[in-house]
Amino acid sequence: MSEIAIRVSHLGKQYKIGARRQRADTLRDAIAGTAKGLLSGFTAKGRHAEDNTIWALQDVSFEVQRGEVLGVIGRNGAGKSTLLKILSRITEPTTGEVDLHGRVGS
């Protein structure tokens, strides 16, 4: 009987480029920041502000059986480190789910 140690289904991670989180000290600051974000939804070139996003991982699915070893290889920027961060629960995925049974070692 084979047991699944890692199951990844439809995993995706999206990052917003150039987005900074700012802390609102007052309710007025929070409302003003939200209004500013809504009004500046379009950039100077007419593109929507959501165009400044990048998918580090998109629709990744695989299973690793208990006792198997998995190696992840790829070019720079392929999403290897992002996958490891998600598997080790350092960061949350944008889409999909990870089912882990056991430990993850890099």
PDB file of N, CA and C in Angstrom:
ATOM      1  N   MET A   1       0.847  -1.185   0.000  1.00  0.00           N
ATOM      2  CA  MET A   1       0.000   0.000   0.000  1.00  0.00           C
ATOM      3  C   MET A   1       0.888   1.243   0.000  1.00  0.00           C
ATOM      4  N   SER A   2       0.685   2.127  -0.947  1.00  0.00           N
ATOM      5  CA  SER A   2       1.507   3.335  -1.032  1.00  0.00           C
ATOM      6  C   SER A   2       0.784   4.507  -0.380  1.00  0.00           C
ATOM      7  N   GLU A   3       1.555   5.254   0.383  1.00  0.00           N
ATOM      8  CA  GLU A   3       1.024   6.439   1.050  1.00  0.00           C
ATOM      9  C   GLU A   3       1.594   7.675   0.373  1.00  0.00           C
ATOM     10  N   ILE A   4       0.769   8.681   0.263  1.00  0.00           N
ATOM     11  CA  ILE A   4       1.211   9.934  -0.346  1.00  0.00           C
ATOM     12  C   ILE A   4       1.804  10.821   0.739  1.00  0.00           C
ATOM     13  N   ALA A   5       3.040  11.260   0.540  1.00  0.00           N
ATOM     14  CA  ALA A   5       3.711  12.142   1.493  1.00  0.00           C
ATOM     15  C   ALA A   5       3.434  13.605   1.174  1.00  0.00           C
ATOM     16  N   ILE A   6       3.452  13.948  -0.118  1.00  0.00           N
ATOM     17  CA  ILE A   6       3.192  15.324  -0.554  1.00  0.00           C
ATOM     18  C   ILE A   6       2.229  15.277  -1.732  1.00  0.00           C
ATOM     19  N   ARG A   7       1.174  16.036  -1.629  1.00  0.00           N
ATOM     20  CA  ARG A   7       0.240  16.191  -2.752  1.00  0.00           C
ATOM     21  C   ARG A   7       0.067  17.689  -3.002  1.00  0.00           C
ATOM     22  N   VAL A   8       0.418  18.114  -4.188  1.00  0.00           N
ATOM     23  CA  VAL A   8       0.275  19.505  -4.600  1.00  0.00           C
ATOM     24  C   VAL A   8      -0.713  19.528  -5.758  1.00  0.00           C
ATOM     25  N   SER A   9      -1.756  20.333  -5.644  1.00  0.00           N
ATOM     26  CA  SER A   9      -2.742  20.382  -6.719  1.00  0.00           C
ATOM     27  C   SER A   9      -3.068  21.826  -7.101  1.00  0.00           C
ATOM     28  N   HIS A  10      -2.861  22.105  -8.365  1.00  0.00           N
ATOM     29  CA  HIS A  10      -3.187  23.408  -8.979  1.00  0.00           C
ATOM     30  C   HIS A  10      -2.589  24.575  -8.197  1.00  0.00           C
ATOM     31  N   LEU A  11      -1.339  24.425  -7.791  1.00  0.00           N
ATOM     32  CA  LEU A  11      -0.660  25.422  -6.971  1.00  0.00           C
ATOM     33  C   LEU A  11      -0.261  26.630  -7.806  1.00  0.00           C
ATOM     34  N   GLY A  12      -0.456  27.809  -7.256  1.00  0.00           N
ATOM     35  CA  GLY A  12      -0.055  29.043  -7.911  1.00  0.00           C
ATOM     36  C   GLY A  12       0.357  30.084  -6.887  1.00  0.00           C
ATOM     37  N   LYS A  13       1.339  30.884  -7.233  1.00  0.00           N
ATOM     38  CA  LYS A  13       1.773  31.978  -6.365  1.00  0.00           C
ATOM     39  C   LYS A  13       1.988  33.215  -7.222  1.00  0.00           C
ATOM     40  N   GLN A  14       1.305  34.279  -6.862  1.00  0.00           N
ATOM     41  CA  GLN A  14       1.369  35.530  -7.605  1.00  0.00           C
ATOM     42  C   GLN A  14       1.951  36.613  -6.705  1.00  0.00           C
ATOM     43  N   TYR A  15       2.872  37.391  -7.272  1.00  0.00           N
ATOM     44  CA  TYR A  15       3.465  38.521  -6.552  1.00  0.00           C
ATOM     45  C   TYR A  15       3.120  39.805  -7.280  1.00  0.00           C
ATOM     46  N   LYS A  16       2.887  40.859  -6.520  1.00  0.00           N
ATOM     47  CA  LYS A  16       2.658  42.179  -7.094  1.00  0.00           C
ATOM     48  C   LYS A  16       3.984  42.916  -7.122  1.00  0.00           C
ATOM     49  N   ILE A  17       4.390  43.370  -8.274  1.00  0.00           N
ATOM     50  CA  ILE A  17       5.658  44.061  -8.450  1.00  0.00           C
ATOM     51  C   ILE A  17       5.494  45.531  -8.064  1.00  0.00           C
ATOM     52  N   GLY A  18       6.380  45.998  -7.219  1.00  0.00           N
ATOM     53  CA  GLY A  18       6.370  47.408  -6.844  1.00  0.00           C
ATOM     54  C   GLY A  18       5.342  47.767  -5.799  1.00  0.00           C
ATOM     55  N   ALA A  19       4.566  46.806  -5.326  1.00  0.00           N
ATOM     56  CA  ALA A  19       3.545  47.097  -4.313  1.00  0.00           C
ATOM     57  C   ALA A  19       4.187  47.110  -2.936  1.00  0.00           C
ATOM     58  N   ARG A  20       3.911  48.136  -2.204  1.00  0.00           N
ATOM     59  CA  ARG A  20       4.421  48.254  -0.842  1.00  0.00           C
ATOM     60  C   ARG A  20       3.250  48.329   0.108  1.00  0.00           C
ATOM     61  N   ARG A  21       3.410  47.661   1.207  1.00  0.00           N
ATOM     62  CA  ARG A  21       2.368  47.733   2.224  1.00  0.00           C
ATOM     63  C   ARG A  21       2.662  48.922   3.117  1.00  0.00           C
ATOM     64  N   GLN A  22       1.656  49.778   3.265  1.00  0.00           N
ATOM     65  CA  GLN A  22       1.805  50.929   4.134  1.00  0.00           C
ATOM     66  C   GLN A  22       0.811  50.806   5.274  1.00  0.00           C
ATOM     67  N   ARG A  23       1.269  51.163   6.427  1.00  0.00           N
ATOM     68  CA  ARG A  23       0.424  51.079   7.607  1.00  0.00           C
ATOM     69  C   ARG A  23      -0.381  52.360   7.742  1.00  0.00           C
ATOM     70  N   ALA A  24      -1.685  52.238   7.937  1.00  0.00           N
ATOM     71  CA  ALA A  24      -2.541  53.393   8.168  1.00  0.00           C
ATOM     72  C   ALA A  24      -2.648  53.613   9.666  1.00  0.00           C
ATOM     73  N   ASP A  25      -2.271  54.819  10.100  1.00  0.00           N
ATOM     74  CA  ASP A  25      -2.310  55.119  11.525  1.00  0.00           C
ATOM     75  C   ASP A  25      -3.719  55.438  12.011  1.00  0.00           C
ATOM     76  N   THR A  26      -4.526  56.016  11.140  1.00  0.00           N
ATOM     77  CA  THR A  26      -5.877  56.388  11.543  1.00  0.00           C
ATOM     78  C   THR A  26      -6.877  55.850  10.528  1.00  0.00           C
ATOM     79  N   LEU A  27      -8.143  55.868  10.905  1.00  0.00           N
ATOM     80  CA  LEU A  27      -9.203  55.450   9.996  1.00  0.00           C
ATOM     81  C   LEU A  27      -9.242  56.360   8.772  1.00  0.00           C
ATOM     82  N   ARG A  28      -8.996  57.650   8.981  1.00  0.00           N
ATOM     83  CA  ARG A  28      -8.990  58.599   7.864  1.00  0.00           C
ATOM     84  C   ARG A  28      -7.893  58.245   6.861  1.00  0.00           C
ATOM     85  N   ASP A  29      -6.699  57.862   7.355  1.00  0.00           N
ATOM     86  CA  ASP A  29      -5.601  57.465   6.469  1.00  0.00           C
ATOM     87  C   ASP A  29      -5.963  56.204   5.679  1.00  0.00           C
ATOM     88  N   ALA A  30      -6.629  55.271   6.337  1.00  0.00           N
ATOM     89  CA  ALA A  30      -7.020  54.033   5.670  1.00  0.00           C
ATOM     90  C   ALA A  30      -8.033  54.303   4.567  1.00  0.00           C
ATOM     91  N   ILE A  31      -9.011  55.162   4.830  1.00  0.00           N
ATOM     92  CA  ILE A  31     -10.024  55.502   3.829  1.00  0.00           C
ATOM     93  C   ILE A  31      -9.395  56.270   2.677  1.00  0.00           C
ATOM     94  N   ALA A  32      -8.507  57.202   2.984  1.00  0.00           N
ATOM     95  CA  ALA A  32      -7.843  57.978   1.931  1.00  0.00           C
ATOM     96  C   ALA A  32      -6.971  57.081   1.062  1.00  0.00           C
ATOM     97  N   GLY A  33      -6.282  56.124   1.673  1.00  0.00           N
ATOM     98  CA  GLY A  33      -5.453  55.203   0.905  1.00  0.00           C
ATOM     99  C   GLY A  33      -6.266  54.312  -0.002  1.00  0.00           C
ATOM    100  N   THR A  34      -7.432  53.857   0.470  1.00  0.00           N
ATOM    101  CA  THR A  34      -8.313  53.035  -0.349  1.00  0.00           C
ATOM    102  C   THR A  34      -8.864  53.836  -1.521  1.00  0.00           C
ATOM    103  N   ALA A  35      -9.282  55.057  -1.263  1.00  0.00           N
ATOM    104  CA  ALA A  35      -9.814  55.912  -2.331  1.00  0.00           C
ATOM    105  C   ALA A  35      -8.729  56.210  -3.363  1.00  0.00           C
ATOM    106  N   LYS A  36      -7.525  56.470  -2.905  1.00  0.00           N
ATOM    107  CA  LYS A  36      -6.425  56.752  -3.822  1.00  0.00           C
ATOM    108  C   LYS A  36      -6.134  55.533  -4.695  1.00  0.00           C
ATOM    109  N   GLY A  37      -6.188  54.347  -4.104  1.00  0.00           N
ATOM    110  CA  GLY A  37      -5.958  53.127  -4.870  1.00  0.00           C
ATOM    111  C   GLY A  37      -7.026  52.900  -5.923  1.00  0.00           C
ATOM    112  N   LEU A  38      -8.270  53.212  -5.607  1.00  0.00           N
ATOM    113  CA  LEU A  38      -9.354  53.049  -6.577  1.00  0.00           C
ATOM    114  C   LEU A  38      -9.244  54.057  -7.714  1.00  0.00           C
ATOM    115  N   LEU A  39      -8.877  55.287  -7.383  1.00  0.00           N
ATOM    116  CA  LEU A  39      -8.776  56.328  -8.401  1.00  0.00           C
ATOM    117  C   LEU A  39      -7.557  56.152  -9.290  1.00  0.00           C
ATOM    118  N   SER A  40      -6.509  55.529  -8.778  1.00  0.00           N
ATOM    119  CA  SER A  40      -5.304  55.343  -9.580  1.00  0.00           C
ATOM    120  C   SER A  40      -5.245  53.933 -10.159  1.00  0.00           C
ATOM    121  N   GLY A  41      -6.395  53.357 -10.454  1.00  0.00           N
ATOM    122  CA  GLY A  41      -6.466  52.005 -10.990  1.00  0.00           C
ATOM    123  C   GLY A  41      -5.879  51.877 -12.375  1.00  0.00           C
ATOM    124  N   PHE A  42      -5.774  52.980 -13.087  1.00  0.00           N
ATOM    125  CA  PHE A  42      -5.201  52.954 -14.426  1.00  0.00           C
ATOM    126  C   PHE A  42      -3.894  53.724 -14.431  1.00  0.00           C
ATOM    127  N   THR A  43      -2.888  53.162 -15.094  1.00  0.00           N
ATOM    128  CA  THR A  43      -1.588  53.805 -15.168  1.00  0.00           C
ATOM    129  C   THR A  43      -1.590  54.823 -16.298  1.00  0.00           C
ATOM    130  N   ALA A  44      -0.489  55.529 -16.444  1.00  0.00           N
ATOM    131  CA  ALA A  44      -0.378  56.575 -17.465  1.00  0.00           C
ATOM    132  C   ALA A  44      -0.530  56.004 -18.873  1.00  0.00           C
ATOM    133  N   LYS A  45      -0.113  54.771 -19.097  1.00  0.00           N
ATOM    134  CA  LYS A  45      -0.199  54.176 -20.424  1.00  0.00           C
ATOM    135  C   LYS A  45      -1.559  53.536 -20.677  1.00  0.00           C
ATOM    136  N   GLY A  46      -2.495  53.659 -19.738  1.00  0.00           N
ATOM    137  CA  GLY A  46      -3.818  53.113 -19.928  1.00  0.00           C
ATOM    138  C   GLY A  46      -3.959  51.658 -19.497  1.00  0.00           C
ATOM    139  N   ARG A  47      -2.871  51.058 -19.031  1.00  0.00           N
ATOM    140  CA  ARG A  47      -2.964  49.679 -18.557  1.00  0.00           C
ATOM    141  C   ARG A  47      -3.484  49.678 -17.130  1.00  0.00           C
ATOM    142  N   HIS A  48      -4.167  48.627 -16.791  1.00  0.00           N
ATOM    143  CA  HIS A  48      -4.684  48.509 -15.431  1.00  0.00           C
ATOM    144  C   HIS A  48      -3.528  48.219 -14.479  1.00  0.00           C
ATOM    145  N   ALA A  49      -3.635  48.689 -13.258  1.00  0.00           N
ATOM    146  CA  ALA A  49      -2.557  48.535 -12.290  1.00  0.00           C
ATOM    147  C   ALA A  49      -2.261  47.072 -11.972  1.00  0.00           C
ATOM    148  N   GLU A  50      -3.212  46.163 -12.223  1.00  0.00           N
ATOM    149  CA  GLU A  50      -2.996  44.746 -11.956  1.00  0.00           C
ATOM    150  C   GLU A  50      -2.004  44.123 -12.927  1.00  0.00           C
ATOM    151  N   ASP A  51      -1.611  44.848 -13.984  1.00  0.00           N
ATOM    152  CA  ASP A  51      -0.615  44.335 -14.919  1.00  0.00           C
ATOM    153  C   ASP A  51       0.753  44.218 -14.268  1.00  0.00           C
ATOM    154  N   ASN A  52       0.937  44.781 -13.093  1.00  0.00           N
ATOM    155  CA  ASN A  52       2.219  44.743 -12.396  1.00  0.00           C
ATOM    156  C   ASN A  52       2.315  43.517 -11.493  1.00  0.00           C
ATOM    157  N   THR A  53       1.784  42.406 -11.957  1.00  0.00           N
ATOM    158  CA  THR A  53       1.860  41.162 -11.191  1.00  0.00           C
ATOM    159  C   THR A  53       2.646  40.129 -11.985  1.00  0.00           C
ATOM    160  N   ILE A  54       3.226  39.191 -11.246  1.00  0.00           N
ATOM    161  CA  ILE A  54       3.986  38.120 -11.881  1.00  0.00           C
ATOM    162  C   ILE A  54       3.615  36.810 -11.180  1.00  0.00           C
ATOM    163  N   TRP A  55       3.452  35.776 -11.973  1.00  0.00           N
ATOM    164  CA  TRP A  55       3.174  34.448 -11.433  1.00  0.00           C
ATOM    165  C   TRP A  55       4.489  33.710 -11.285  1.00  0.00           C
ATOM    166  N   ALA A  56       4.904  33.441 -10.056  1.00  0.00           N
ATOM    167  CA  ALA A  56       6.114  32.653  -9.812  1.00  0.00           C
ATOM    168  C   ALA A  56       5.824  31.177 -10.059  1.00  0.00           C
ATOM    169  N   LEU A  57       4.613  30.739  -9.714  1.00  0.00           N
ATOM    170  CA  LEU A  57       4.144  29.384  -9.980  1.00  0.00           C
ATOM    171  C   LEU A  57       2.730  29.478 -10.515  1.00  0.00           C
ATOM    172  N   GLN A  58       2.395  28.605 -11.457  1.00  0.00           N
ATOM    173  CA  GLN A  58       1.039  28.633 -11.994  1.00  0.00           C
ATOM    174  C   GLN A  58       0.616  27.225 -12.386  1.00  0.00           C
ATOM    175  N   ASP A  59      -0.433  26.736 -11.753  1.00  0.00           N
ATOM    176  CA  ASP A  59      -1.051  25.439 -12.022  1.00  0.00           C
ATOM    177  C   ASP A  59      -0.047  24.282 -11.935  1.00  0.00           C
ATOM    178  N   VAL A  60       0.640  24.184 -10.793  1.00  0.00           N
ATOM    179  CA  VAL A  60       1.607  23.118 -10.552  1.00  0.00           C
ATOM    180  C   VAL A  60       0.917  22.008  -9.763  1.00  0.00           C
ATOM    181  N   SER A  61       1.020  20.773 -10.252  1.00  0.00           N
ATOM    182  CA  SER A  61       0.424  19.622  -9.570  1.00  0.00           C
ATOM    183  C   SER A  61       1.385  18.447  -9.621  1.00  0.00           C
ATOM    184  N   PHE A  62       1.546  17.761  -8.478  1.00  0.00           N
ATOM    185  CA  PHE A  62       2.349  16.538  -8.430  1.00  0.00           C
ATOM    186  C   PHE A  62       2.093  15.821  -7.117  1.00  0.00           C
ATOM    187  N   GLU A  63       2.510  14.550  -7.072  1.00  0.00           N
ATOM    188  CA  GLU A  63       2.426  13.753  -5.859  1.00  0.00           C
ATOM    189  C   GLU A  63       3.766  13.077  -5.622  1.00  0.00           C
ATOM    190  N   VAL A  64       4.145  12.960  -4.349  1.00  0.00           N
ATOM    191  CA  VAL A  64       5.360  12.253  -3.951  1.00  0.00           C
ATOM    192  C   VAL A  64       4.931  11.181  -2.962  1.00  0.00           C
ATOM    193  N   GLN A  65       5.265   9.938  -3.274  1.00  0.00           N
ATOM    194  CA  GLN A  65       4.920   8.823  -2.396  1.00  0.00           C
ATOM    195  C   GLN A  65       5.891   8.757  -1.216  1.00  0.00           C
ATOM    196  N   ARG A  66       5.457   8.139  -0.143  1.00  0.00           N
ATOM    197  CA  ARG A  66       6.306   7.956   1.032  1.00  0.00           C
ATOM    198  C   ARG A  66       7.541   7.144   0.638  1.00  0.00           C
ATOM    199  N   GLY A  67       8.730   7.628   1.032  1.00  0.00           N
ATOM    200  CA  GLY A  67       9.983   6.961   0.714  1.00  0.00           C
ATOM    201  C   GLY A  67      10.635   7.444  -0.567  1.00  0.00           C
ATOM    202  N   GLU A  68       9.917   8.202  -1.382  1.00  0.00           N
ATOM    203  CA  GLU A  68      10.484   8.754  -2.615  1.00  0.00           C
ATOM    204  C   GLU A  68      11.251  10.034  -2.313  1.00  0.00           C
ATOM    205  N   VAL A  69      12.157  10.381  -3.211  1.00  0.00           N
ATOM    206  CA  VAL A  69      12.921  11.619  -3.120  1.00  0.00           C
ATOM    207  C   VAL A  69      12.589  12.450  -4.351  1.00  0.00           C
ATOM    208  N   LEU A  70      12.389  13.734  -4.149  1.00  0.00           N
ATOM    209  CA  LEU A  70      12.045  14.636  -5.245  1.00  0.00           C
ATOM    210  C   LEU A  70      13.141  15.679  -5.394  1.00  0.00           C
ATOM    211  N   GLY A  71      13.618  15.859  -6.597  1.00  0.00           N
ATOM    212  CA  GLY A  71      14.562  16.922  -6.907  1.00  0.00           C
ATOM    213  C   GLY A  71      13.905  17.909  -7.854  1.00  0.00           C
ATOM    214  N   VAL A  72      14.064  19.185  -7.584  1.00  0.00           N
ATOM    215  CA  VAL A  72      13.475  20.231  -8.430  1.00  0.00           C
ATOM    216  C   VAL A  72      14.607  20.989  -9.089  1.00  0.00           C
ATOM    217  N   ILE A  73      14.626  20.982 -10.415  1.00  0.00           N
ATOM    218  CA  ILE A  73      15.657  21.689 -11.165  1.00  0.00           C
ATOM    219  C   ILE A  73      14.992  22.641 -12.137  1.00  0.00           C
ATOM    220  N   GLY A  74      15.731  23.661 -12.539  1.00  0.00           N
ATOM    221  CA  GLY A  74      15.198  24.614 -13.500  1.00  0.00           C
ATOM    222  C   GLY A  74      16.072  25.846 -13.571  1.00  0.00           C
ATOM    223  N   ARG A  75      15.746  26.694 -14.512  1.00  0.00           N
ATOM    224  CA  ARG A  75      16.476  27.940 -14.712  1.00  0.00           C
ATOM    225  C   ARG A  75      16.206  28.925 -13.589  1.00  0.00           C
ATOM    226  N   ASN A  76      16.997  29.983 -13.568  1.00  0.00           N
ATOM    227  CA  ASN A  76      16.758  31.078 -12.619  1.00  0.00           C
ATOM    228  C   ASN A  76      15.373  31.660 -12.882  1.00  0.00           C
ATOM    229  N   GLY A  77      14.642  31.875 -11.816  1.00  0.00           N
ATOM    230  CA  GLY A  77      13.309  32.455 -11.948  1.00  0.00           C
ATOM    231  C   GLY A  77      12.228  31.460 -12.291  1.00  0.00           C
ATOM    232  N   ALA A  78      12.529  30.169 -12.240  1.00  0.00           N
ATOM    233  CA  ALA A  78      11.543  29.153 -12.602  1.00  0.00           C
ATOM    234  C   ALA A  78      10.541  28.873 -11.473  1.00  0.00           C
ATOM    235  N   GLY A  79      10.849  29.293 -10.246  1.00  0.00           N
ATOM    236  CA  GLY A  79       9.930  29.102  -9.132  1.00  0.00           C
ATOM    237  C   GLY A  79      10.350  28.036  -8.144  1.00  0.00           C
ATOM    238  N   LYS A  80      11.591  27.586  -8.219  1.00  0.00           N
ATOM    239  CA  LYS A  80      12.067  26.520  -7.316  1.00  0.00           C
ATOM    240  C   LYS A  80      12.023  26.960  -5.858  1.00  0.00           C
ATOM    241  N   SER A  81      12.558  28.112  -5.560  1.00  0.00           N
ATOM    242  CA  SER A  81      12.583  28.615  -4.180  1.00  0.00           C
ATOM    243  C   SER A  81      11.179  28.940  -3.691  1.00  0.00           C
ATOM    244  N   THR A  82      10.342  29.441  -4.560  1.00  0.00           N
ATOM    245  CA  THR A  82       8.959  29.740  -4.188  1.00  0.00           C
ATOM    246  C   THR A  82       8.228  28.459  -3.823  1.00  0.00           C
ATOM    247  N   LEU A  83       8.442  27.392  -4.589  1.00  0.00           N
ATOM    248  CA  LEU A  83       7.829  26.106  -4.278  1.00  0.00           C
ATOM    249  C   LEU A  83       8.294  25.604  -2.917  1.00  0.00           C
ATOM    250  N   LEU A  84       9.580  25.702  -2.636  1.00  0.00           N
ATOM    251  CA  LEU A  84      10.107  25.254  -1.345  1.00  0.00           C
ATOM    252  C   LEU A  84       9.552  26.086  -0.192  1.00  0.00           C
ATOM    253  N   LYS A  85       9.399  27.383  -0.389  1.00  0.00           N
ATOM    254  CA  LYS A  85       8.829  28.243   0.652  1.00  0.00           C
ATOM    255  C   LYS A  85       7.385  27.857   0.949  1.00  0.00           C
ATOM    256  N   ILE A  86       6.644  27.506  -0.095  1.00  0.00           N
ATOM    257  CA  ILE A  86       5.252  27.095   0.108  1.00  0.00           C
ATOM    258  C   ILE A  86       5.200  25.734   0.802  1.00  0.00           C
ATOM    259  N   LEU A  87       6.046  24.799   0.377  1.00  0.00           N
ATOM    260  CA  LEU A  87       6.053  23.471   0.993  1.00  0.00           C
ATOM    261  C   LEU A  87       6.483  23.517   2.457  1.00  0.00           C
ATOM    262  N   SER A  88       7.379  24.437   2.803  1.00  0.00           N
ATOM    263  CA  SER A  88       7.823  24.552   4.191  1.00  0.00           C
ATOM    264  C   SER A  88       6.979  25.541   4.989  1.00  0.00           C
ATOM    265  N   ARG A  89       5.904  26.007   4.403  1.00  0.00           N
ATOM    266  CA  ARG A  89       4.910  26.881   5.049  1.00  0.00           C
ATOM    267  C   ARG A  89       5.477  28.231   5.480  1.00  0.00           C
ATOM    268  N   ILE A  90       6.449  28.726   4.722  1.00  0.00           N
ATOM    269  CA  ILE A  90       6.979  30.068   4.973  1.00  0.00           C
ATOM    270  C   ILE A  90       6.057  31.097   4.330  1.00  0.00           C
ATOM    271  N   THR A  91       5.516  30.758   3.166  1.00  0.00           N
ATOM    272  CA  THR A  91       4.591  31.652   2.469  1.00  0.00           C
ATOM    273  C   THR A  91       3.357  30.866   2.049  1.00  0.00           C
ATOM    274  N   GLU A  92       2.244  31.567   1.876  1.00  0.00           N
ATOM    275  CA  GLU A  92       0.982  30.944   1.494  1.00  0.00           C
ATOM    276  C   GLU A  92       0.804  31.000  -0.019  1.00  0.00           C
ATOM    277  N   PRO A  93       0.235  29.966  -0.607  1.00  0.00           N
ATOM    278  CA  PRO A  93      -0.025  30.009  -2.048  1.00  0.00           C
ATOM    279  C   PRO A  93      -1.199  30.939  -2.371  1.00  0.00           C
ATOM    280  N   THR A  94      -1.190  31.478  -3.588  1.00  0.00           N
ATOM    281  CA  THR A  94      -2.304  32.298  -4.050  1.00  0.00           C
ATOM    282  C   THR A  94      -3.473  31.415  -4.452  1.00  0.00           C
ATOM    283  N   THR A  95      -3.185  30.324  -5.163  1.00  0.00           N
ATOM    284  CA  THR A  95      -4.210  29.372  -5.573  1.00  0.00           C
ATOM    285  C   THR A  95      -3.734  27.957  -5.285  1.00  0.00           C
ATOM    286  N   GLY A  96      -4.660  27.038  -5.263  1.00  0.00           N
ATOM    287  CA  GLY A  96      -4.326  25.631  -5.092  1.00  0.00           C
ATOM    288  C   GLY A  96      -4.135  25.252  -3.638  1.00  0.00           C
ATOM    289  N   GLU A  97      -3.698  24.000  -3.453  1.00  0.00           N
ATOM    290  CA  GLU A  97      -3.517  23.520  -2.089  1.00  0.00           C
ATOM    291  C   GLU A  97      -2.376  22.527  -2.011  1.00  0.00           C
ATOM    292  N   VAL A  98      -1.798  22.430  -0.819  1.00  0.00           N
ATOM    293  CA  VAL A  98      -0.703  21.520  -0.521  1.00  0.00           C
ATOM    294  C   VAL A  98      -1.122  20.643   0.634  1.00  0.00           C
ATOM    295  N   ASP A  99      -0.971  19.337   0.471  1.00  0.00           N
ATOM    296  CA  ASP A  99      -1.276  18.376   1.512  1.00  0.00           C
ATOM    297  C   ASP A  99       0.028  17.671   1.875  1.00  0.00           C
ATOM    298  N   LEU A 100       0.544  17.951   3.082  1.00  0.00           N
ATOM    299  CA  LEU A 100       1.842  17.424   3.531  1.00  0.00           C
ATOM    300  C   LEU A 100       1.664  16.441   4.672  1.00  0.00           C
ATOM    301  N   HIS A 101       2.375  15.332   4.574  1.00  0.00           N
ATOM    302  CA  HIS A 101       2.405  14.358   5.655  1.00  0.00           C
ATOM    303  C   HIS A 101       3.867  14.064   5.935  1.00  0.00           C
ATOM    304  N   GLY A 102       4.409  14.636   7.000  1.00  0.00           N
ATOM    305  CA  GLY A 102       5.824  14.445   7.320  1.00  0.00           C
ATOM    306  C   GLY A 102       6.567  15.758   7.300  1.00  0.00           C
ATOM    307  N   ARG A 103       7.902  15.666   7.101  1.00  0.00           N
ATOM    308  CA  ARG A 103       8.772  16.840   7.122  1.00  0.00           C
ATOM    309  C   ARG A 103       9.252  17.171   5.723  1.00  0.00           C
ATOM    310  N   VAL A 104       9.586  18.453   5.544  1.00  0.00           N
ATOM    311  CA  VAL A 104      10.175  18.915   4.288  1.00  0.00           C
ATOM    312  C   VAL A 104      11.584  19.363   4.601  1.00  0.00           C
ATOM    313  N   GLY A 105      12.561  18.869   3.842  1.00  0.00           N
ATOM    314  CA  GLY A 105      13.942  19.278   4.015  1.00  0.00           C
ATOM    315  C   GLY A 105      14.510  19.764   2.694  1.00  0.00           C
ATOM    316  N   SER A 106      15.268  20.829   2.769  1.00  0.00           N
ATOM    317  CA  SER A 106      15.831  21.356   1.528  1.00  0.00           C
ATOM    318  C   SER A 106      17.277  20.978   1.384  1.00  0.00           C
TER     319      SER A 106
END
